């Protein structure tokens, strides 16, 4: 297989994110944002096919390492290529487009003013509950079903 990769970004492209050299506890915050972004993509597009890997990638920089989501795939595989192109072309601009809330609220100089979700599990559970408030909306029901299927441990801990 001839694998290639594209950068998807650490968060939806219209959202604020942790900034290397400015956000306190950057490594933990940035990795968490990437993990939640991956879950948001799973909500919107379903789990990736076996021929696609979506991973958090560490990228060296003068000030340390910054983090990004990377989609690795075989461009000769039509299913993989179609999935990755959807991530790139139709991915969320805002967290709410995938049923998620922003994990952190940022203030001046990328400082965290408020932590909304301190873990990936908390963010997924909140999205499942939010999307469940719109059962008659086909896209919300599909995103909720994708999250329930992809993250059964988080779904098992939902309040009744």
N, C-alpha and C. Protein backbone atom coordinates (compact mmCIF):
# COMPACT_ATOMS: atom_id res chain seq x y z
N UNK A 1 0.83 -1.18 0.00
CA UNK A 1 0.00 0.00 0.00
C UNK A 1 0.88 1.25 0.00
N UNK A 2 0.45 2.25 -0.72
CA UNK A 2 1.14 3.53 -0.78
C UNK A 2 0.34 4.55 0.03
N UNK A 3 0.68 4.69 1.30
CA UNK A 3 -0.07 5.57 2.18
C UNK A 3 0.31 7.03 1.96
N UNK A 4 -0.65 7.89 2.10
CA UNK A 4 -0.42 9.33 2.09
C UNK A 4 -1.21 9.92 3.26
N UNK A 5 -0.95 11.16 3.58
CA UNK A 5 -1.67 11.75 4.70
C UNK A 5 -2.02 13.21 4.41
N UNK A 6 -3.07 13.66 5.08
CA UNK A 6 -3.44 15.07 5.03
C UNK A 6 -3.70 15.55 6.45
N UNK A 7 -3.48 16.81 6.67
CA UNK A 7 -3.77 17.43 7.95
C UNK A 7 -5.23 17.86 7.96
N UNK A 8 -5.92 17.53 9.04
CA UNK A 8 -7.32 17.90 9.18
C UNK A 8 -7.47 19.11 10.10
N UNK A 9 -6.48 19.36 10.92
CA UNK A 9 -6.54 20.47 11.87
C UNK A 9 -6.84 19.97 13.27
N UNK A 10 -6.46 20.72 14.29
CA UNK A 10 -6.66 20.27 15.66
C UNK A 10 -8.10 20.38 16.14
N UNK A 11 -8.85 21.33 15.57
CA UNK A 11 -10.25 21.58 15.95
C UNK A 11 -11.01 21.98 14.69
N UNK A 12 -12.34 22.05 14.74
CA UNK A 12 -13.06 22.57 13.57
C UNK A 12 -12.47 23.92 13.14
N UNK A 13 -12.42 24.14 11.84
CA UNK A 13 -11.61 25.23 11.29
C UNK A 13 -12.02 26.65 11.68
N UNK A 14 -13.19 26.86 12.21
CA UNK A 14 -13.59 28.21 12.63
C UNK A 14 -13.51 28.41 14.15
N UNK A 15 -12.96 27.43 14.85
CA UNK A 15 -12.92 27.48 16.31
C UNK A 15 -11.54 27.89 16.82
N UNK A 16 -11.50 28.43 18.04
CA UNK A 16 -10.24 28.71 18.72
C UNK A 16 -9.68 27.42 19.27
N UNK A 17 -8.36 27.39 19.42
CA UNK A 17 -7.73 26.20 19.99
C UNK A 17 -6.52 26.61 20.82
N UNK A 18 -5.96 25.64 21.53
CA UNK A 18 -4.77 25.88 22.34
C UNK A 18 -3.64 26.38 21.44
N UNK A 19 -2.83 27.27 21.99
CA UNK A 19 -1.72 27.85 21.23
C UNK A 19 -0.40 27.51 21.92
N UNK A 20 0.48 26.90 21.15
CA UNK A 20 1.81 26.54 21.63
C UNK A 20 2.53 27.80 22.12
N UNK A 21 3.08 27.71 23.32
CA UNK A 21 3.81 28.84 23.88
C UNK A 21 2.93 29.85 24.61
N UNK A 22 1.61 29.67 24.53
CA UNK A 22 0.71 30.62 25.19
C UNK A 22 -0.29 29.95 26.12
N UNK A 23 -0.87 28.84 25.70
CA UNK A 23 -1.89 28.17 26.52
C UNK A 23 -1.21 27.34 27.60
N UNK A 24 -1.53 27.60 28.88
CA UNK A 24 -0.98 26.76 29.96
C UNK A 24 -1.39 25.30 29.77
N UNK A 25 -0.49 24.38 30.15
CA UNK A 25 -0.74 22.94 30.03
C UNK A 25 -1.06 22.57 28.57
N UNK A 26 -0.33 23.18 27.66
CA UNK A 26 -0.61 23.06 26.23
C UNK A 26 -0.71 21.61 25.76
N UNK A 27 0.26 20.75 26.10
CA UNK A 27 0.26 19.38 25.58
C UNK A 27 -1.06 18.66 25.88
N UNK A 28 -1.47 18.70 27.14
CA UNK A 28 -2.71 18.00 27.52
C UNK A 28 -3.92 18.62 26.82
N UNK A 29 -4.02 19.92 26.82
CA UNK A 29 -5.17 20.61 26.24
C UNK A 29 -5.24 20.36 24.73
N UNK A 30 -4.12 20.50 24.04
CA UNK A 30 -4.10 20.33 22.59
C UNK A 30 -4.43 18.90 22.18
N UNK A 31 -3.89 17.92 22.91
CA UNK A 31 -4.21 16.52 22.59
C UNK A 31 -5.69 16.23 22.83
N UNK A 32 -6.24 16.78 23.91
CA UNK A 32 -7.66 16.58 24.20
C UNK A 32 -8.52 17.21 23.11
N UNK A 33 -8.18 18.41 22.68
CA UNK A 33 -8.93 19.04 21.59
C UNK A 33 -8.90 18.18 20.33
N UNK A 34 -7.75 17.64 20.00
CA UNK A 34 -7.64 16.78 18.81
C UNK A 34 -8.51 15.53 18.97
N UNK A 35 -8.49 14.92 20.14
CA UNK A 35 -9.29 13.71 20.37
C UNK A 35 -10.79 14.02 20.26
N UNK A 36 -11.21 15.15 20.78
CA UNK A 36 -12.62 15.54 20.69
C UNK A 36 -12.98 15.87 19.24
N UNK A 37 -12.07 16.49 18.52
CA UNK A 37 -12.31 16.78 17.10
C UNK A 37 -12.48 15.47 16.32
N UNK A 38 -11.66 14.47 16.64
CA UNK A 38 -11.79 13.17 15.98
C UNK A 38 -13.18 12.58 16.26
N UNK A 39 -13.63 12.66 17.50
CA UNK A 39 -14.96 12.15 17.85
C UNK A 39 -16.05 12.92 17.09
N UNK A 40 -15.88 14.22 16.92
CA UNK A 40 -16.85 15.02 16.16
C UNK A 40 -16.91 14.56 14.71
N UNK A 41 -15.76 14.22 14.15
CA UNK A 41 -15.73 13.72 12.77
C UNK A 41 -16.42 12.36 12.67
N UNK A 42 -16.21 11.52 13.67
CA UNK A 42 -16.90 10.22 13.70
C UNK A 42 -18.41 10.44 13.79
N UNK A 43 -18.83 11.41 14.58
CA UNK A 43 -20.27 11.72 14.67
C UNK A 43 -20.82 12.07 13.29
N UNK A 44 -20.12 12.91 12.58
CA UNK A 44 -20.63 13.39 11.29
C UNK A 44 -20.54 12.36 10.17
N UNK A 45 -19.45 11.59 10.13
CA UNK A 45 -19.18 10.74 8.97
C UNK A 45 -19.12 9.25 9.29
N UNK A 46 -19.33 8.88 10.55
CA UNK A 46 -19.21 7.49 10.95
C UNK A 46 -17.75 7.14 11.18
N UNK A 47 -17.51 5.96 11.75
CA UNK A 47 -16.12 5.55 11.97
C UNK A 47 -15.39 5.44 10.63
N UNK A 48 -14.10 5.72 10.62
CA UNK A 48 -13.37 5.61 9.36
C UNK A 48 -13.29 4.15 8.90
N UNK A 49 -13.24 3.93 7.60
CA UNK A 49 -13.04 2.57 7.12
C UNK A 49 -11.66 2.07 7.57
N UNK A 50 -11.47 0.75 7.53
CA UNK A 50 -10.20 0.17 7.96
C UNK A 50 -9.01 0.74 7.18
N UNK A 51 -9.27 1.24 6.00
CA UNK A 51 -8.21 1.76 5.14
C UNK A 51 -7.85 3.22 5.44
N UNK A 52 -8.43 3.77 6.52
CA UNK A 52 -8.15 5.16 6.93
C UNK A 52 -7.78 5.16 8.41
N UNK A 53 -6.71 5.85 8.75
CA UNK A 53 -6.33 6.02 10.16
C UNK A 53 -6.34 7.51 10.46
N UNK A 54 -7.10 7.89 11.49
CA UNK A 54 -7.13 9.29 11.92
C UNK A 54 -6.45 9.35 13.28
N UNK A 55 -5.30 9.98 13.32
CA UNK A 55 -4.47 10.00 14.51
C UNK A 55 -4.06 11.42 14.88
N UNK A 56 -3.74 11.59 16.16
CA UNK A 56 -3.15 12.84 16.61
C UNK A 56 -1.67 12.79 16.23
N UNK A 57 -1.23 13.82 15.53
CA UNK A 57 0.16 13.87 15.09
C UNK A 57 0.89 14.99 15.83
N UNK A 58 2.09 14.68 16.29
CA UNK A 58 2.96 15.65 16.93
C UNK A 58 3.84 16.28 15.85
N UNK A 59 3.90 17.59 15.84
CA UNK A 59 4.68 18.32 14.83
C UNK A 59 5.71 19.20 15.53
N UNK A 60 7.00 18.96 15.28
CA UNK A 60 8.03 19.78 15.93
C UNK A 60 7.97 21.24 15.48
N UNK A 61 8.27 22.12 16.40
CA UNK A 61 8.26 23.56 16.15
C UNK A 61 9.36 24.18 17.01
N UNK A 62 9.75 25.39 16.71
CA UNK A 62 10.80 26.07 17.49
C UNK A 62 10.47 26.14 18.98
N UNK A 63 9.19 26.24 19.32
CA UNK A 63 8.78 26.38 20.72
C UNK A 63 8.37 25.06 21.37
N UNK A 64 8.49 23.95 20.66
CA UNK A 64 8.08 22.65 21.17
C UNK A 64 7.32 21.90 20.09
N UNK A 65 6.34 21.12 20.48
CA UNK A 65 5.53 20.36 19.52
C UNK A 65 4.09 20.86 19.57
N UNK A 66 3.50 21.00 18.41
CA UNK A 66 2.07 21.28 18.36
C UNK A 66 1.38 20.03 17.82
N UNK A 67 0.09 19.93 17.99
CA UNK A 67 -0.65 18.72 17.65
C UNK A 67 -1.74 19.02 16.63
N UNK A 68 -2.01 18.01 15.83
CA UNK A 68 -2.92 18.15 14.71
C UNK A 68 -3.54 16.77 14.46
N UNK A 69 -4.71 16.73 13.87
CA UNK A 69 -5.26 15.46 13.41
C UNK A 69 -4.74 15.20 12.01
N UNK A 70 -4.36 13.97 11.77
CA UNK A 70 -3.86 13.57 10.47
C UNK A 70 -4.67 12.37 9.99
N UNK A 71 -5.10 12.41 8.75
CA UNK A 71 -5.78 11.26 8.14
C UNK A 71 -4.78 10.59 7.21
N UNK A 72 -4.46 9.32 7.50
CA UNK A 72 -3.56 8.53 6.64
C UNK A 72 -4.42 7.54 5.88
N UNK A 73 -4.14 7.43 4.57
CA UNK A 73 -4.97 6.56 3.73
C UNK A 73 -4.21 6.19 2.47
N UNK A 74 -4.73 5.18 1.78
CA UNK A 74 -4.19 4.75 0.50
C UNK A 74 -4.99 5.45 -0.60
N UNK A 75 -4.39 6.37 -1.34
CA UNK A 75 -5.14 7.10 -2.36
C UNK A 75 -5.64 6.22 -3.50
N UNK A 76 -5.11 5.00 -3.61
CA UNK A 76 -5.59 4.07 -4.64
C UNK A 76 -6.88 3.38 -4.21
N UNK A 77 -7.25 3.52 -2.94
CA UNK A 77 -8.47 2.91 -2.42
C UNK A 77 -9.60 3.93 -2.53
N UNK A 78 -10.60 3.69 -3.39
CA UNK A 78 -11.68 4.67 -3.59
C UNK A 78 -12.48 4.97 -2.32
N UNK A 79 -12.74 3.95 -1.50
CA UNK A 79 -13.50 4.16 -0.27
C UNK A 79 -12.73 5.06 0.70
N UNK A 80 -11.44 4.80 0.83
CA UNK A 80 -10.60 5.61 1.72
C UNK A 80 -10.52 7.05 1.22
N UNK A 81 -10.29 7.20 -0.06
CA UNK A 81 -10.17 8.54 -0.64
C UNK A 81 -11.47 9.33 -0.47
N UNK A 82 -12.60 8.69 -0.72
CA UNK A 82 -13.89 9.37 -0.58
C UNK A 82 -14.12 9.81 0.86
N UNK A 83 -13.80 8.95 1.82
CA UNK A 83 -13.99 9.29 3.23
C UNK A 83 -13.12 10.49 3.62
N UNK A 84 -11.85 10.44 3.25
CA UNK A 84 -10.93 11.51 3.62
C UNK A 84 -11.31 12.83 2.93
N UNK A 85 -11.74 12.76 1.69
CA UNK A 85 -12.18 13.99 1.01
C UNK A 85 -13.39 14.60 1.70
N UNK A 86 -14.28 13.77 2.23
CA UNK A 86 -15.42 14.31 2.98
C UNK A 86 -14.95 15.00 4.26
N UNK A 87 -13.97 14.39 4.94
CA UNK A 87 -13.43 15.03 6.14
C UNK A 87 -12.88 16.41 5.80
N UNK A 88 -12.15 16.47 4.71
CA UNK A 88 -11.50 17.72 4.31
C UNK A 88 -12.50 18.75 3.80
N UNK A 89 -13.44 18.32 2.98
CA UNK A 89 -14.37 19.25 2.32
C UNK A 89 -15.62 19.57 3.13
N UNK A 90 -16.08 18.62 3.95
CA UNK A 90 -17.36 18.78 4.63
C UNK A 90 -17.25 18.75 6.15
N UNK A 91 -16.02 18.74 6.66
CA UNK A 91 -15.83 18.71 8.11
C UNK A 91 -16.43 19.93 8.77
N UNK A 92 -16.69 19.85 10.06
CA UNK A 92 -17.37 20.95 10.74
C UNK A 92 -16.51 22.21 10.82
N UNK A 93 -17.15 23.34 10.66
CA UNK A 93 -16.49 24.61 10.90
C UNK A 93 -16.57 24.98 12.37
N UNK A 94 -17.65 24.54 13.01
CA UNK A 94 -17.90 24.82 14.42
C UNK A 94 -18.23 23.51 15.13
N UNK A 95 -17.94 23.47 16.41
CA UNK A 95 -18.22 22.27 17.20
C UNK A 95 -19.69 21.86 17.11
N UNK A 96 -20.60 22.82 17.20
CA UNK A 96 -22.03 22.50 17.26
C UNK A 96 -22.53 21.81 16.00
N UNK A 97 -21.84 21.95 14.89
CA UNK A 97 -22.27 21.28 13.66
C UNK A 97 -22.21 19.76 13.79
N UNK A 98 -21.42 19.27 14.74
CA UNK A 98 -21.33 17.83 15.00
C UNK A 98 -22.00 17.46 16.32
N UNK A 99 -22.73 18.40 16.93
CA UNK A 99 -23.42 18.12 18.19
C UNK A 99 -22.55 18.31 19.42
N UNK A 100 -21.36 18.85 19.26
CA UNK A 100 -20.43 19.04 20.37
C UNK A 100 -20.43 20.50 20.82
N UNK A 101 -19.99 20.71 22.06
CA UNK A 101 -19.72 22.06 22.54
C UNK A 101 -18.21 22.22 22.61
N UNK A 102 -17.76 23.46 22.56
CA UNK A 102 -16.31 23.69 22.63
C UNK A 102 -15.79 23.14 23.95
N UNK A 103 -14.64 22.46 23.93
CA UNK A 103 -14.12 21.90 25.18
C UNK A 103 -13.58 22.96 26.13
N UNK A 104 -13.09 24.07 25.57
CA UNK A 104 -12.52 25.15 26.38
C UNK A 104 -12.98 26.49 25.82
N UNK A 105 -13.18 27.44 26.72
CA UNK A 105 -13.46 28.81 26.32
C UNK A 105 -12.17 29.59 26.55
N UNK A 106 -11.69 30.25 25.51
CA UNK A 106 -10.42 30.97 25.57
C UNK A 106 -10.63 32.46 25.76
N UNK A 107 -9.69 33.06 26.48
CA UNK A 107 -9.68 34.50 26.67
C UNK A 107 -8.48 35.11 25.97
N UNK A 108 -8.00 36.20 26.53
CA UNK A 108 -6.85 36.88 25.96
C UNK A 108 -5.62 35.97 25.94
N UNK A 109 -4.86 36.10 24.88
CA UNK A 109 -3.60 35.37 24.73
C UNK A 109 -3.76 33.87 24.90
N UNK A 110 -4.89 33.34 24.47
CA UNK A 110 -5.16 31.90 24.46
C UNK A 110 -5.18 31.28 25.85
N UNK A 111 -5.47 32.09 26.87
CA UNK A 111 -5.63 31.52 28.21
C UNK A 111 -7.02 30.91 28.31
N UNK A 112 -7.14 29.86 29.10
CA UNK A 112 -8.43 29.19 29.26
C UNK A 112 -9.23 29.92 30.33
N UNK A 113 -10.41 30.38 29.93
CA UNK A 113 -11.31 31.07 30.84
C UNK A 113 -12.23 30.07 31.53
N UNK A 114 -12.61 29.04 30.79
CA UNK A 114 -13.55 28.05 31.32
C UNK A 114 -13.30 26.70 30.65
N UNK A 115 -13.27 25.64 31.46
CA UNK A 115 -13.18 24.28 30.93
C UNK A 115 -14.58 23.71 30.86
N UNK A 116 -15.02 23.38 29.65
CA UNK A 116 -16.35 22.81 29.45
C UNK A 116 -16.29 21.29 29.59
N UNK A 117 -15.27 20.67 28.97
CA UNK A 117 -15.09 19.21 29.03
C UNK A 117 -13.64 18.91 29.40
N UNK A 118 -13.45 18.23 30.51
CA UNK A 118 -12.09 17.91 30.94
C UNK A 118 -11.61 16.56 30.43
N UNK A 119 -12.47 15.83 29.71
CA UNK A 119 -12.07 14.53 29.17
C UNK A 119 -12.83 14.26 27.87
N UNK A 120 -12.28 13.36 27.09
CA UNK A 120 -12.93 12.95 25.84
C UNK A 120 -14.27 12.29 26.16
N UNK A 121 -14.30 11.49 27.22
CA UNK A 121 -15.55 10.80 27.58
C UNK A 121 -16.65 11.80 27.93
N UNK A 122 -16.30 12.85 28.67
CA UNK A 122 -17.31 13.86 29.03
C UNK A 122 -17.83 14.57 27.79
N UNK A 123 -16.96 14.87 26.85
CA UNK A 123 -17.39 15.55 25.62
C UNK A 123 -18.30 14.66 24.79
N UNK A 124 -17.97 13.38 24.69
CA UNK A 124 -18.79 12.45 23.91
C UNK A 124 -20.16 12.26 24.57
N UNK A 125 -20.17 12.06 25.89
CA UNK A 125 -21.46 11.90 26.58
C UNK A 125 -22.34 13.13 26.40
N UNK A 126 -21.75 14.32 26.51
CA UNK A 126 -22.53 15.55 26.33
C UNK A 126 -23.08 15.64 24.91
N UNK A 127 -22.29 15.25 23.91
CA UNK A 127 -22.76 15.30 22.52
C UNK A 127 -23.90 14.30 22.31
N UNK A 128 -23.77 13.10 22.86
CA UNK A 128 -24.83 12.10 22.72
C UNK A 128 -26.13 12.63 23.33
N UNK A 129 -26.02 13.23 24.51
CA UNK A 129 -27.22 13.78 25.16
C UNK A 129 -27.79 14.95 24.37
N UNK A 130 -26.95 15.82 23.87
CA UNK A 130 -27.41 16.96 23.07
C UNK A 130 -28.11 16.49 21.81
N UNK A 131 -27.49 15.58 21.10
CA UNK A 131 -28.08 15.08 19.85
C UNK A 131 -29.38 14.32 20.10
N UNK A 132 -29.51 13.72 21.28
CA UNK A 132 -30.74 13.01 21.64
C UNK A 132 -31.93 13.93 21.83
N UNK A 133 -31.69 15.21 21.95
CA UNK A 133 -32.79 16.17 22.10
C UNK A 133 -33.48 16.46 20.78
N UNK A 134 -32.93 15.93 19.68
CA UNK A 134 -33.49 16.17 18.35
C UNK A 134 -33.75 14.84 17.63
N UNK A 135 -34.54 13.94 18.23
CA UNK A 135 -34.70 12.59 17.66
C UNK A 135 -35.38 12.58 16.30
N UNK A 136 -36.15 13.61 15.98
CA UNK A 136 -36.87 13.63 14.70
C UNK A 136 -36.05 14.24 13.57
N UNK A 137 -34.89 14.74 13.88
CA UNK A 137 -34.03 15.32 12.86
C UNK A 137 -33.07 14.24 12.37
N UNK A 138 -33.16 13.90 11.11
CA UNK A 138 -32.40 12.77 10.56
C UNK A 138 -30.89 12.91 10.78
N UNK A 139 -30.34 14.10 10.53
CA UNK A 139 -28.89 14.24 10.67
C UNK A 139 -28.46 14.13 12.13
N UNK A 140 -29.25 14.67 13.07
CA UNK A 140 -28.91 14.56 14.49
C UNK A 140 -29.01 13.10 14.95
N UNK A 141 -30.04 12.41 14.50
CA UNK A 141 -30.20 11.00 14.86
C UNK A 141 -29.05 10.17 14.32
N UNK A 142 -28.61 10.46 13.10
CA UNK A 142 -27.49 9.72 12.50
C UNK A 142 -26.19 9.99 13.26
N UNK A 143 -25.94 11.24 13.62
CA UNK A 143 -24.72 11.56 14.38
C UNK A 143 -24.74 10.89 15.75
N UNK A 144 -25.90 10.89 16.40
CA UNK A 144 -26.02 10.24 17.71
C UNK A 144 -25.78 8.74 17.57
N UNK A 145 -26.36 8.13 16.54
CA UNK A 145 -26.15 6.69 16.31
C UNK A 145 -24.68 6.39 16.05
N UNK A 146 -24.00 7.24 15.30
CA UNK A 146 -22.57 7.04 15.05
C UNK A 146 -21.77 7.07 16.34
N UNK A 147 -22.08 8.01 17.22
CA UNK A 147 -21.37 8.11 18.50
C UNK A 147 -21.68 6.91 19.40
N UNK A 148 -22.94 6.51 19.46
CA UNK A 148 -23.31 5.36 20.29
C UNK A 148 -22.59 4.10 19.83
N UNK A 149 -22.47 3.92 18.51
CA UNK A 149 -21.81 2.73 17.97
C UNK A 149 -20.29 2.78 18.16
N UNK A 150 -19.71 3.95 17.98
CA UNK A 150 -18.25 4.08 18.03
C UNK A 150 -17.69 4.16 19.45
N UNK A 151 -18.52 4.60 20.39
CA UNK A 151 -18.05 4.82 21.77
C UNK A 151 -19.00 4.17 22.77
N UNK A 152 -19.08 2.83 22.76
CA UNK A 152 -20.04 2.14 23.64
C UNK A 152 -19.77 2.34 25.13
N UNK A 153 -18.53 2.48 25.54
CA UNK A 153 -18.24 2.67 26.97
C UNK A 153 -18.82 4.00 27.46
N UNK A 154 -18.68 5.04 26.66
CA UNK A 154 -19.23 6.34 27.03
C UNK A 154 -20.75 6.29 27.03
N UNK A 155 -21.33 5.59 26.07
CA UNK A 155 -22.78 5.46 25.97
C UNK A 155 -23.35 4.69 27.16
N UNK A 156 -22.59 3.71 27.66
CA UNK A 156 -23.07 2.89 28.77
C UNK A 156 -23.18 3.70 30.06
N UNK A 157 -22.45 4.78 30.16
CA UNK A 157 -22.45 5.59 31.39
C UNK A 157 -23.37 6.80 31.32
N UNK A 158 -24.29 6.81 30.36
CA UNK A 158 -25.22 7.93 30.25
C UNK A 158 -26.29 7.84 31.33
N UNK A 159 -26.76 9.00 31.81
CA UNK A 159 -27.86 8.96 32.78
C UNK A 159 -29.12 8.42 32.12
N UNK A 160 -29.92 7.75 32.91
CA UNK A 160 -31.15 7.14 32.38
C UNK A 160 -32.18 8.18 32.02
